[in-house]
N, C-alpha and C. Protein backbone atom coordinates (compact mmCIF):
# COMPACT_ATOMS: atom_id res chain seq x y z
N MET A 1 -46.68 -26.80 67.37
CA MET A 1 -45.36 -27.05 66.79
C MET A 1 -45.07 -25.95 65.76
N LYS A 2 -43.87 -25.40 65.85
CA LYS A 2 -43.43 -24.37 64.90
C LYS A 2 -42.80 -25.05 63.69
N LYS A 3 -43.13 -24.54 62.51
CA LYS A 3 -42.50 -25.02 61.28
C LYS A 3 -41.47 -23.97 60.88
N ILE A 4 -40.21 -24.35 60.93
CA ILE A 4 -39.11 -23.46 60.58
C ILE A 4 -38.60 -23.87 59.20
N GLN A 5 -38.61 -22.92 58.28
CA GLN A 5 -38.11 -23.20 56.93
C GLN A 5 -36.81 -22.43 56.72
N ILE A 6 -35.81 -23.14 56.25
CA ILE A 6 -34.53 -22.53 55.86
C ILE A 6 -34.56 -22.45 54.34
N LEU A 7 -34.51 -21.23 53.83
CA LEU A 7 -34.60 -21.01 52.39
C LEU A 7 -33.23 -20.71 51.83
N GLY A 8 -32.77 -21.59 50.94
CA GLY A 8 -31.46 -21.41 50.33
C GLY A 8 -31.07 -22.65 49.57
N THR A 9 -30.05 -22.51 48.75
CA THR A 9 -29.67 -23.60 47.84
C THR A 9 -28.76 -24.64 48.48
N GLY A 10 -28.47 -24.50 49.76
CA GLY A 10 -27.61 -25.47 50.42
C GLY A 10 -26.20 -24.98 50.63
N CYS A 11 -25.99 -23.68 50.50
CA CYS A 11 -24.66 -23.10 50.69
C CYS A 11 -24.26 -23.21 52.16
N PRO A 12 -22.97 -23.00 52.48
CA PRO A 12 -22.53 -23.10 53.88
C PRO A 12 -23.31 -22.18 54.83
N LYS A 13 -23.66 -20.98 54.38
CA LYS A 13 -24.44 -20.07 55.25
C LYS A 13 -25.83 -20.63 55.52
N CYS A 14 -26.42 -21.27 54.52
CA CYS A 14 -27.74 -21.88 54.69
C CYS A 14 -27.67 -23.02 55.70
N GLU A 15 -26.64 -23.82 55.59
CA GLU A 15 -26.47 -24.94 56.52
C GLU A 15 -26.25 -24.42 57.95
N LYS A 16 -25.48 -23.34 58.08
CA LYS A 16 -25.21 -22.75 59.39
C LYS A 16 -26.50 -22.17 59.97
N LEU A 17 -27.33 -21.54 59.12
CA LEU A 17 -28.60 -21.00 59.58
C LEU A 17 -29.51 -22.11 60.10
N ALA A 18 -29.51 -23.25 59.43
CA ALA A 18 -30.31 -24.39 59.88
C ALA A 18 -29.83 -24.87 61.24
N GLU A 19 -28.52 -24.92 61.41
CA GLU A 19 -27.94 -25.34 62.69
C GLU A 19 -28.32 -24.34 63.80
N HIS A 20 -28.22 -23.05 63.50
CA HIS A 20 -28.58 -22.02 64.48
C HIS A 20 -30.06 -22.12 64.85
N ALA A 21 -30.92 -22.38 63.85
CA ALA A 21 -32.36 -22.51 64.10
C ALA A 21 -32.64 -23.68 65.03
N ARG A 22 -31.97 -24.80 64.78
CA ARG A 22 -32.16 -25.98 65.63
C ARG A 22 -31.73 -25.68 67.07
N LEU A 23 -30.56 -25.07 67.22
CA LEU A 23 -30.06 -24.74 68.55
C LEU A 23 -30.98 -23.75 69.27
N ALA A 24 -31.50 -22.78 68.54
CA ALA A 24 -32.40 -21.78 69.13
C ALA A 24 -33.69 -22.43 69.60
N ALA A 25 -34.29 -23.26 68.75
CA ALA A 25 -35.55 -23.91 69.10
C ALA A 25 -35.37 -24.86 70.29
N GLU A 26 -34.27 -25.61 70.28
CA GLU A 26 -33.98 -26.50 71.42
C GLU A 26 -33.72 -25.67 72.67
N GLY A 27 -33.06 -24.54 72.50
CA GLY A 27 -32.70 -23.69 73.63
C GLY A 27 -33.90 -23.11 74.36
N ILE A 28 -34.97 -22.82 73.61
CA ILE A 28 -36.16 -22.28 74.27
C ILE A 28 -37.20 -23.37 74.54
N GLY A 29 -36.88 -24.60 74.15
CA GLY A 29 -37.71 -25.74 74.53
C GLY A 29 -39.05 -25.83 73.81
N ILE A 30 -39.08 -25.48 72.53
CA ILE A 30 -40.35 -25.60 71.79
C ILE A 30 -40.29 -26.83 70.89
N GLU A 31 -41.49 -27.30 70.51
CA GLU A 31 -41.57 -28.36 69.52
C GLU A 31 -41.42 -27.71 68.16
N PHE A 32 -40.61 -28.31 67.30
CA PHE A 32 -40.36 -27.69 66.00
C PHE A 32 -40.05 -28.74 64.95
N GLU A 33 -40.17 -28.29 63.71
CA GLU A 33 -39.79 -29.08 62.55
C GLU A 33 -39.00 -28.14 61.65
N ILE A 34 -37.87 -28.59 61.16
CA ILE A 34 -37.07 -27.78 60.23
C ILE A 34 -37.17 -28.38 58.84
N GLU A 35 -37.51 -27.52 57.89
CA GLU A 35 -37.60 -27.92 56.50
C GLU A 35 -36.62 -27.06 55.71
N LYS A 36 -35.81 -27.70 54.89
CA LYS A 36 -34.88 -26.96 54.03
C LYS A 36 -35.52 -26.83 52.66
N VAL A 37 -35.74 -25.58 52.24
CA VAL A 37 -36.34 -25.30 50.95
C VAL A 37 -35.22 -24.87 50.01
N LYS A 38 -34.91 -25.75 49.04
CA LYS A 38 -33.80 -25.49 48.13
C LYS A 38 -34.25 -25.11 46.72
N ASP A 39 -35.54 -25.28 46.43
CA ASP A 39 -36.07 -24.98 45.10
C ASP A 39 -36.18 -23.47 44.92
N ILE A 40 -35.45 -22.93 43.96
CA ILE A 40 -35.36 -21.48 43.77
C ILE A 40 -36.72 -20.87 43.44
N THR A 41 -37.57 -21.60 42.71
CA THR A 41 -38.90 -21.09 42.39
C THR A 41 -39.75 -20.96 43.65
N GLU A 42 -39.69 -21.96 44.49
CA GLU A 42 -40.44 -21.92 45.75
C GLU A 42 -39.93 -20.79 46.65
N ILE A 43 -38.62 -20.61 46.68
CA ILE A 43 -38.02 -19.52 47.48
C ILE A 43 -38.51 -18.17 46.97
N MET A 44 -38.50 -17.98 45.65
CA MET A 44 -38.95 -16.72 45.06
C MET A 44 -40.45 -16.51 45.27
N ASN A 45 -41.22 -17.58 45.28
CA ASN A 45 -42.66 -17.47 45.52
C ASN A 45 -42.96 -16.97 46.93
N LEU A 46 -42.02 -17.18 47.84
CA LEU A 46 -42.18 -16.65 49.20
C LEU A 46 -41.71 -15.20 49.29
N GLY A 47 -41.26 -14.65 48.17
CA GLY A 47 -40.84 -13.25 48.14
C GLY A 47 -39.40 -13.02 48.54
N VAL A 48 -38.61 -14.10 48.60
CA VAL A 48 -37.21 -13.99 49.01
C VAL A 48 -36.33 -13.85 47.79
N MET A 49 -35.51 -12.79 47.79
CA MET A 49 -34.58 -12.56 46.68
C MET A 49 -33.13 -12.81 47.10
N MET A 50 -32.88 -12.81 48.42
CA MET A 50 -31.52 -13.05 48.91
C MET A 50 -31.55 -14.15 49.97
N THR A 51 -30.63 -15.09 49.83
CA THR A 51 -30.53 -16.17 50.82
C THR A 51 -29.23 -15.99 51.60
N PRO A 52 -29.10 -16.59 52.75
CA PRO A 52 -30.07 -17.48 53.38
C PRO A 52 -31.25 -16.70 53.95
N ALA A 53 -32.37 -17.38 54.07
CA ALA A 53 -33.56 -16.78 54.66
C ALA A 53 -34.20 -17.79 55.60
N ILE A 54 -34.99 -17.27 56.52
CA ILE A 54 -35.70 -18.13 57.46
C ILE A 54 -37.16 -17.70 57.51
N ALA A 55 -38.04 -18.69 57.50
CA ALA A 55 -39.47 -18.45 57.63
C ALA A 55 -39.98 -19.30 58.80
N VAL A 56 -40.93 -18.75 59.53
CA VAL A 56 -41.55 -19.48 60.63
C VAL A 56 -43.04 -19.52 60.37
N ASP A 57 -43.58 -20.74 60.34
CA ASP A 57 -45.00 -20.95 60.06
C ASP A 57 -45.43 -20.22 58.79
N GLY A 58 -44.58 -20.27 57.76
CA GLY A 58 -44.91 -19.72 56.46
C GLY A 58 -44.65 -18.23 56.28
N GLU A 59 -44.19 -17.55 57.32
CA GLU A 59 -43.92 -16.11 57.25
C GLU A 59 -42.41 -15.87 57.28
N VAL A 60 -41.91 -15.20 56.24
CA VAL A 60 -40.48 -14.92 56.15
C VAL A 60 -40.10 -13.92 57.26
N LYS A 61 -39.09 -14.28 58.04
CA LYS A 61 -38.66 -13.45 59.16
C LYS A 61 -37.35 -12.72 58.88
N SER A 62 -36.53 -13.27 58.00
CA SER A 62 -35.24 -12.65 57.67
C SER A 62 -34.74 -13.22 56.36
N SER A 63 -34.08 -12.36 55.57
CA SER A 63 -33.45 -12.87 54.34
C SER A 63 -32.16 -12.11 54.09
N GLY A 64 -31.22 -12.82 53.47
CA GLY A 64 -29.94 -12.23 53.12
C GLY A 64 -28.98 -12.07 54.29
N LYS A 65 -29.27 -12.73 55.40
CA LYS A 65 -28.45 -12.57 56.59
C LYS A 65 -28.40 -13.88 57.37
N LEU A 66 -27.24 -14.19 57.91
CA LEU A 66 -27.08 -15.35 58.77
C LEU A 66 -27.37 -14.90 60.20
N LEU A 67 -28.56 -15.23 60.69
CA LEU A 67 -28.94 -14.84 62.05
C LEU A 67 -28.20 -15.68 63.08
N SER A 68 -27.91 -15.07 64.22
CA SER A 68 -27.29 -15.80 65.32
C SER A 68 -28.35 -16.64 66.04
N VAL A 69 -27.92 -17.52 66.90
CA VAL A 69 -28.84 -18.34 67.70
C VAL A 69 -29.75 -17.42 68.52
N GLU A 70 -29.17 -16.39 69.14
CA GLU A 70 -29.96 -15.46 69.97
C GLU A 70 -30.99 -14.71 69.13
N GLU A 71 -30.62 -14.27 67.93
CA GLU A 71 -31.56 -13.57 67.05
C GLU A 71 -32.73 -14.49 66.66
N ILE A 72 -32.43 -15.74 66.41
CA ILE A 72 -33.49 -16.68 66.04
C ILE A 72 -34.40 -16.96 67.24
N LYS A 73 -33.83 -17.01 68.43
CA LYS A 73 -34.68 -17.17 69.63
C LYS A 73 -35.69 -16.04 69.71
N GLU A 74 -35.25 -14.80 69.43
CA GLU A 74 -36.15 -13.65 69.45
C GLU A 74 -37.26 -13.80 68.40
N VAL A 75 -36.88 -14.28 67.21
CA VAL A 75 -37.86 -14.49 66.15
C VAL A 75 -38.89 -15.54 66.58
N LEU A 76 -38.41 -16.63 67.17
CA LEU A 76 -39.32 -17.71 67.56
C LEU A 76 -40.22 -17.30 68.73
N ASN A 77 -39.72 -16.47 69.61
CA ASN A 77 -40.53 -16.00 70.75
C ASN A 77 -41.51 -14.91 70.35
N GLY A 78 -41.18 -14.20 69.26
CA GLY A 78 -41.99 -13.07 68.82
C GLY A 78 -43.25 -13.52 68.19
């Protein structure tokens, strides 16, 4: 099971990124869990300075950008 973390304070872009992540994971048929990380200290501890960001299994894959569903599929397959 992949653990997908959406890092951000809950802004509209963060919510959209969470939706894109869910659609991407469902689209490629993997088991997944989405966690929204809103605590700024925890986000900074992961080395993220710009949100929204996405991490997979604890590794930050993108920050400061709203990835498309297709881009997230590539991240999850990679």
